[in-house]
Amino acid sequence: RGRAAQLAELDELLHRDDTGARIAVLSGTGGVGKTALAVHWAQRAPGEFPDGQLYLDLHGYGTVRPVEPG
């Protein structure tokens, strides 16, 4: 089962004609692939982010303690 439909929705959001900020929320239970989808989508379109991309895993869910602020 692929993620083509979800990737297409993210592509559509990125290429809207308006000039406002774009925010996408990926929701679901732990382990369904939200992070994998987001990282895969961002890696497909590096030219869309000329200032670069940053990914930071804060360990909010899982066996590793979450990163403390500060």
PDB file of N, CA and C in Angstrom:
ATOM      1  N   ARG A   1       0.851  -1.180   0.000  1.00  0.00           N
ATOM      2  CA  ARG A   1       0.000   0.000   0.000  1.00  0.00           C
ATOM      3  C   ARG A   1       0.888   1.232   0.000  1.00  0.00           C
ATOM      4  N   GLY A   2       0.752   2.074  -0.988  1.00  0.00           N
ATOM      5  CA  GLY A   2       1.615   3.232  -1.118  1.00  0.00           C
ATOM      6  C   GLY A   2       1.039   4.492  -0.495  1.00  0.00           C
ATOM      7  N   ARG A   3       1.815   5.516  -0.562  1.00  0.00           N
ATOM      8  CA  ARG A   3       1.425   6.818  -0.013  1.00  0.00           C
ATOM      9  C   ARG A   3       1.253   7.861  -1.110  1.00  0.00           C
ATOM     10  N   ALA A   4       0.972   7.420  -2.325  1.00  0.00           N
ATOM     11  CA  ALA A   4       0.875   8.340  -3.460  1.00  0.00           C
ATOM     12  C   ALA A   4      -0.170   9.426  -3.227  1.00  0.00           C
ATOM     13  N   ALA A   5      -1.313   9.077  -2.668  1.00  0.00           N
ATOM     14  CA  ALA A   5      -2.374  10.066  -2.449  1.00  0.00           C
ATOM     15  C   ALA A   5      -1.936  11.123  -1.439  1.00  0.00           C
ATOM     16  N   GLN A   6      -1.289  10.693  -0.355  1.00  0.00           N
ATOM     17  CA  GLN A   6      -0.834  11.648   0.656  1.00  0.00           C
ATOM     18  C   GLN A   6       0.286  12.534   0.110  1.00  0.00           C
ATOM     19  N   LEU A   7       1.200  11.945  -0.665  1.00  0.00           N
ATOM     20  CA  LEU A   7       2.272  12.734  -1.272  1.00  0.00           C
ATOM     21  C   LEU A   7       1.696  13.767  -2.235  1.00  0.00           C
ATOM     22  N   ALA A   8       0.681  13.380  -2.997  1.00  0.00           N
ATOM     23  CA  ALA A   8       0.040  14.310  -3.935  1.00  0.00           C
ATOM     24  C   ALA A   8      -0.633  15.462  -3.188  1.00  0.00           C
ATOM     25  N   GLU A   9      -1.254  15.172  -2.045  1.00  0.00           N
ATOM     26  CA  GLU A   9      -1.881  16.239  -1.251  1.00  0.00           C
ATOM     27  C   GLU A   9      -0.841  17.228  -0.747  1.00  0.00           C
ATOM     28  N   LEU A  10       0.299  16.728  -0.296  1.00  0.00           N
ATOM     29  CA  LEU A  10       1.361  17.618   0.169  1.00  0.00           C
ATOM     30  C   LEU A  10       1.913  18.443  -0.992  1.00  0.00           C
ATOM     31  N   ASP A  11       2.078  17.821  -2.163  1.00  0.00           N
ATOM     32  CA  ASP A  11       2.533  18.553  -3.349  1.00  0.00           C
ATOM     33  C   ASP A  11       1.554  19.671  -3.697  1.00  0.00           C
ATOM     34  N   GLU A  12       0.265  19.360  -3.651  1.00  0.00           N
ATOM     35  CA  GLU A  12      -0.765  20.350  -3.972  1.00  0.00           C
ATOM     36  C   GLU A  12      -0.720  21.522  -2.992  1.00  0.00           C
ATOM     37  N   LEU A  13      -0.550  21.233  -1.727  1.00  0.00           N
ATOM     38  CA  LEU A  13      -0.457  22.287  -0.719  1.00  0.00           C
ATOM     39  C   LEU A  13       0.731  23.202  -1.009  1.00  0.00           C
ATOM     40  N   LEU A  14       1.849  22.621  -1.373  1.00  0.00           N
ATOM     41  CA  LEU A  14       3.057  23.398  -1.645  1.00  0.00           C
ATOM     42  C   LEU A  14       2.894  24.304  -2.856  1.00  0.00           C
ATOM     43  N   HIS A  15       2.147  23.853  -3.854  1.00  0.00           N
ATOM     44  CA  HIS A  15       2.057  24.589  -5.119  1.00  0.00           C
ATOM     45  C   HIS A  15       0.790  25.419  -5.274  1.00  0.00           C
ATOM     46  N   ARG A  16       0.110  25.729  -4.198  1.00  0.00           N
ATOM     47  CA  ARG A  16      -1.058  26.611  -4.278  1.00  0.00           C
ATOM     48  C   ARG A  16      -0.637  27.984  -4.767  1.00  0.00           C
ATOM     49  N   ASP A  17      -1.583  28.691  -5.371  1.00  0.00           N
ATOM     50  CA  ASP A  17      -1.287  30.002  -5.933  1.00  0.00           C
ATOM     51  C   ASP A  17      -1.283  31.127  -4.904  1.00  0.00           C
ATOM     52  N   ASP A  18      -1.807  30.891  -3.715  1.00  0.00           N
ATOM     53  CA  ASP A  18      -1.823  31.970  -2.729  1.00  0.00           C
ATOM     54  C   ASP A  18      -0.413  32.209  -2.184  1.00  0.00           C
ATOM     55  N   THR A  19      -0.239  33.306  -1.486  1.00  0.00           N
ATOM     56  CA  THR A  19       1.094  33.658  -0.991  1.00  0.00           C
ATOM     57  C   THR A  19       1.233  33.462   0.510  1.00  0.00           C
ATOM     58  N   GLY A  20       0.224  32.920   1.157  1.00  0.00           N
ATOM     59  CA  GLY A  20       0.276  32.734   2.601  1.00  0.00           C
ATOM     60  C   GLY A  20       1.167  31.571   3.007  1.00  0.00           C
ATOM     61  N   ALA A  21       1.386  31.482   4.296  1.00  0.00           N
ATOM     62  CA  ALA A  21       2.167  30.374   4.840  1.00  0.00           C
ATOM     63  C   ALA A  21       1.401  29.068   4.662  1.00  0.00           C
ATOM     64  N   ARG A  22       2.127  27.999   4.544  1.00  0.00           N
ATOM     65  CA  ARG A  22       1.519  26.683   4.388  1.00  0.00           C
ATOM     66  C   ARG A  22       1.919  25.808   5.565  1.00  0.00           C
ATOM     67  N   ILE A  23       0.928  25.195   6.160  1.00  0.00           N
ATOM     68  CA  ILE A  23       1.173  24.302   7.288  1.00  0.00           C
ATOM     69  C   ILE A  23       0.441  22.998   7.019  1.00  0.00           C
ATOM     70  N   ALA A  24       1.145  21.905   7.162  1.00  0.00           N
ATOM     71  CA  ALA A  24       0.535  20.585   7.010  1.00  0.00           C
ATOM     72  C   ALA A  24       0.662  19.852   8.340  1.00  0.00           C
ATOM     73  N   VAL A  25      -0.395  19.180   8.736  1.00  0.00           N
ATOM     74  CA  VAL A  25      -0.385  18.388   9.961  1.00  0.00           C
ATOM     75  C   VAL A  25      -0.601  16.936   9.579  1.00  0.00           C
ATOM     76  N   LEU A  26       0.328  16.092   9.964  1.00  0.00           N
ATOM     77  CA  LEU A  26       0.205  14.655   9.731  1.00  0.00           C
ATOM     78  C   LEU A  26      -0.152  14.029  11.071  1.00  0.00           C
ATOM     79  N   SER A  27      -1.304  13.414  11.144  1.00  0.00           N
ATOM     80  CA  SER A  27      -1.733  12.848  12.420  1.00  0.00           C
ATOM     81  C   SER A  27      -2.002  11.357  12.279  1.00  0.00           C
ATOM     82  N   GLY A  28      -1.901  10.675  13.385  1.00  0.00           N
ATOM     83  CA  GLY A  28      -2.151   9.240  13.420  1.00  0.00           C
ATOM     84  C   GLY A  28      -1.473   8.638  14.630  1.00  0.00           C
ATOM     85  N   THR A  29      -1.775   7.402  14.892  1.00  0.00           N
ATOM     86  CA  THR A  29      -1.170   6.728  16.034  1.00  0.00           C
ATOM     87  C   THR A  29       0.308   6.474  15.784  1.00  0.00           C
ATOM     88  N   GLY A  30       1.025   6.229  16.853  1.00  0.00           N
ATOM     89  CA  GLY A  30       2.451   5.968  16.745  1.00  0.00           C
ATOM     90  C   GLY A  30       2.749   4.768  15.868  1.00  0.00           C
ATOM     91  N   GLY A  31       3.733   4.927  14.990  1.00  0.00           N
ATOM     92  CA  GLY A  31       4.179   3.807  14.176  1.00  0.00           C
ATOM     93  C   GLY A  31       3.503   3.648  12.831  1.00  0.00           C
ATOM     94  N   VAL A  32       2.596   4.575  12.461  1.00  0.00           N
ATOM     95  CA  VAL A  32       1.899   4.420  11.180  1.00  0.00           C
ATOM     96  C   VAL A  32       2.665   5.024  10.007  1.00  0.00           C
ATOM     97  N   GLY A  33       3.752   5.765  10.284  1.00  0.00           N
ATOM     98  CA  GLY A  33       4.583   6.275   9.204  1.00  0.00           C
ATOM     99  C   GLY A  33       4.493   7.764   8.939  1.00  0.00           C
ATOM    100  N   LYS A  34       4.043   8.540   9.907  1.00  0.00           N
ATOM    101  CA  LYS A  34       3.925   9.988   9.708  1.00  0.00           C
ATOM    102  C   LYS A  34       5.287  10.626   9.433  1.00  0.00           C
ATOM    103  N   THR A  35       6.259  10.309  10.245  1.00  0.00           N
ATOM    104  CA  THR A  35       7.594  10.884  10.070  1.00  0.00           C
ATOM    105  C   THR A  35       8.209  10.419   8.762  1.00  0.00           C
ATOM    106  N   ALA A  36       8.077   9.144   8.454  1.00  0.00           N
ATOM    107  CA  ALA A  36       8.630   8.615   7.203  1.00  0.00           C
ATOM    108  C   ALA A  36       8.010   9.318   6.001  1.00  0.00           C
ATOM    109  N   LEU A  37       6.711   9.563   6.047  1.00  0.00           N
ATOM    110  CA  LEU A  37       6.028  10.264   4.958  1.00  0.00           C
ATOM    111  C   LEU A  37       6.567  11.683   4.817  1.00  0.00           C
ATOM    112  N   ALA A  38       6.677  12.408   5.917  1.00  0.00           N
ATOM    113  CA  ALA A  38       7.150  13.791   5.870  1.00  0.00           C
ATOM    114  C   ALA A  38       8.582  13.878   5.357  1.00  0.00           C
ATOM    115  N   VAL A  39       9.453  13.018   5.848  1.00  0.00           N
ATOM    116  CA  VAL A  39      10.853  13.039   5.419  1.00  0.00           C
ATOM    117  C   VAL A  39      10.965  12.646   3.950  1.00  0.00           C
ATOM    118  N   HIS A  40      10.234  11.631   3.534  1.00  0.00           N
ATOM    119  CA  HIS A  40      10.258  11.202   2.130  1.00  0.00           C
ATOM    120  C   HIS A  40       9.792  12.326   1.216  1.00  0.00           C
ATOM    121  N   TRP A  41       8.701  12.988   1.593  1.00  0.00           N
ATOM    122  CA  TRP A  41       8.169  14.071   0.772  1.00  0.00           C
ATOM    123  C   TRP A  41       9.178  15.216   0.666  1.00  0.00           C
ATOM    124  N   ALA A  42       9.768  15.611   1.780  1.00  0.00           N
ATOM    125  CA  ALA A  42      10.726  16.719   1.768  1.00  0.00           C
ATOM    126  C   ALA A  42      11.962  16.381   0.940  1.00  0.00           C
ATOM    127  N   GLN A  43      12.405  15.137   0.986  1.00  0.00           N
ATOM    128  CA  GLN A  43      13.590  14.732   0.228  1.00  0.00           C
ATOM    129  C   GLN A  43      13.326  14.681  -1.273  1.00  0.00           C
ATOM    130  N   ARG A  44      12.062  14.560  -1.669  1.00  0.00           N
ATOM    131  CA  ARG A  44      11.729  14.529  -3.100  1.00  0.00           C
ATOM    132  C   ARG A  44      11.813  15.900  -3.741  1.00  0.00           C
ATOM    133  N   ALA A  45      11.765  16.961  -2.942  1.00  0.00           N
ATOM    134  CA  ALA A  45      11.654  18.311  -3.496  1.00  0.00           C
ATOM    135  C   ALA A  45      12.641  19.291  -2.865  1.00  0.00           C
ATOM    136  N   PRO A  46      13.938  18.996  -2.897  1.00  0.00           N
ATOM    137  CA  PRO A  46      14.877  19.920  -2.255  1.00  0.00           C
ATOM    138  C   PRO A  46      14.891  21.301  -2.904  1.00  0.00           C
ATOM    139  N   GLY A  47      14.577  21.383  -4.188  1.00  0.00           N
ATOM    140  CA  GLY A  47      14.549  22.672  -4.874  1.00  0.00           C
ATOM    141  C   GLY A  47      13.445  23.591  -4.389  1.00  0.00           C
ATOM    142  N   GLU A  48      12.438  23.025  -3.747  1.00  0.00           N
ATOM    143  CA  GLU A  48      11.332  23.826  -3.212  1.00  0.00           C
ATOM    144  C   GLU A  48      11.720  24.534  -1.920  1.00  0.00           C
ATOM    145  N   PHE A  49      12.861  24.165  -1.361  1.00  0.00           N
ATOM    146  CA  PHE A  49      13.319  24.728  -0.095  1.00  0.00           C
ATOM    147  C   PHE A  49      14.728  25.280  -0.277  1.00  0.00           C
ATOM    148  N   PRO A  50      14.862  26.408  -0.992  1.00  0.00           N
ATOM    149  CA  PRO A  50      16.193  26.914  -1.330  1.00  0.00           C
ATOM    150  C   PRO A  50      17.036  27.294  -0.115  1.00  0.00           C
ATOM    151  N   ASP A  51      16.402  27.565   1.006  1.00  0.00           N
ATOM    152  CA  ASP A  51      17.159  27.909   2.213  1.00  0.00           C
ATOM    153  C   ASP A  51      17.564  26.675   3.004  1.00  0.00           C
ATOM    154  N   GLY A  52      17.165  25.503   2.535  1.00  0.00           N
ATOM    155  CA  GLY A  52      17.543  24.262   3.188  1.00  0.00           C
ATOM    156  C   GLY A  52      16.401  23.643   3.965  1.00  0.00           C
ATOM    157  N   GLN A  53      16.681  22.494   4.535  1.00  0.00           N
ATOM    158  CA  GLN A  53      15.716  21.748   5.332  1.00  0.00           C
ATOM    159  C   GLN A  53      16.398  21.338   6.625  1.00  0.00           C
ATOM    160  N   LEU A  54      15.608  21.240   7.680  1.00  0.00           N
ATOM    161  CA  LEU A  54      16.125  20.809   8.972  1.00  0.00           C
ATOM    162  C   LEU A  54      15.164  19.790   9.557  1.00  0.00           C
ATOM    163  N   TYR A  55      15.696  18.671   9.982  1.00  0.00           N
ATOM    164  CA  TYR A  55      14.887  17.653  10.652  1.00  0.00           C
ATOM    165  C   TYR A  55      15.508  17.400  12.013  1.00  0.00           C
ATOM    166  N   LEU A  56      14.700  17.487  13.037  1.00  0.00           N
ATOM    167  CA  LEU A  56      15.176  17.262  14.394  1.00  0.00           C
ATOM    168  C   LEU A  56      14.226  16.300  15.088  1.00  0.00           C
ATOM    169  N   ASP A  57      14.717  15.146  15.466  1.00  0.00           N
ATOM    170  CA  ASP A  57      13.905  14.156  16.173  1.00  0.00           C
ATOM    171  C   ASP A  57      13.974  14.462  17.661  1.00  0.00           C
ATOM    172  N   LEU A  58      12.872  14.935  18.215  1.00  0.00           N
ATOM    173  CA  LEU A  58      12.831  15.302  19.632  1.00  0.00           C
ATOM    174  C   LEU A  58      12.456  14.128  20.527  1.00  0.00           C
ATOM    175  N   HIS A  59      12.297  12.948  19.953  1.00  0.00           N
ATOM    176  CA  HIS A  59      11.982  11.732  20.711  1.00  0.00           C
ATOM    177  C   HIS A  59      10.740  11.920  21.584  1.00  0.00           C
ATOM    178  N   GLY A  60       9.693  12.475  21.010  1.00  0.00           N
ATOM    179  CA  GLY A  60       8.472  12.704  21.768  1.00  0.00           C
ATOM    180  C   GLY A  60       7.687  11.440  22.048  1.00  0.00           C
ATOM    181  N   TYR A  61       7.979  10.370  21.318  1.00  0.00           N
ATOM    182  CA  TYR A  61       7.257   9.115  21.496  1.00  0.00           C
ATOM    183  C   TYR A  61       8.239   7.977  21.287  1.00  0.00           C
ATOM    184  N   GLY A  62       8.271   7.052  22.192  1.00  0.00           N
ATOM    185  CA  GLY A  62       9.150   5.903  22.020  1.00  0.00           C
ATOM    186  C   GLY A  62       9.877   5.552  23.304  1.00  0.00           C
ATOM    187  N   THR A  63      10.933   4.787  23.162  1.00  0.00           N
ATOM    188  CA  THR A  63      11.661   4.292  24.324  1.00  0.00           C
ATOM    189  C   THR A  63      12.748   5.251  24.795  1.00  0.00           C
ATOM    190  N   VAL A  64      13.098   6.234  23.967  1.00  0.00           N
ATOM    191  CA  VAL A  64      14.126   7.208  24.325  1.00  0.00           C
ATOM    192  C   VAL A  64      13.448   8.404  24.991  1.00  0.00           C
ATOM    193  N   ARG A  65      14.088   8.941  26.034  1.00  0.00           N
ATOM    194  CA  ARG A  65      13.516  10.108  26.722  1.00  0.00           C
ATOM    195  C   ARG A  65      13.414  11.293  25.766  1.00  0.00           C
ATOM    196  N   PRO A  66      12.320  12.078  25.871  1.00  0.00           N
ATOM    197  CA  PRO A  66      12.194  13.277  25.042  1.00  0.00           C
ATOM    198  C   PRO A  66      13.321  14.264  25.325  1.00  0.00           C
ATOM    199  N   VAL A  67      13.661  15.058  24.333  1.00  0.00           N
ATOM    200  CA  VAL A  67      14.675  16.093  24.486  1.00  0.00           C
ATOM    201  C   VAL A  67      14.113  17.191  25.377  1.00  0.00           C
ATOM    202  N   GLU A  68      14.895  17.620  26.341  1.00  0.00           N
ATOM    203  CA  GLU A  68      14.475  18.691  27.245  1.00  0.00           C
ATOM    204  C   GLU A  68      14.669  20.043  26.563  1.00  0.00           C
ATOM    205  N   PRO A  69      13.727  20.981  26.746  1.00  0.00           N
ATOM    206  CA  PRO A  69      13.903  22.312  26.166  1.00  0.00           C
ATOM    207  C   PRO A  69      15.088  23.023  26.807  1.00  0.00           C
ATOM    208  N   GLY A  70      15.667  23.921  26.039  1.00  0.00           N
ATOM    209  CA  GLY A  70      16.734  24.749  26.603  1.00  0.00           C
ATOM    210  C   GLY A  70      18.000  24.447  26.040  1.00  0.00           C
TER     211      GLY A  70
END
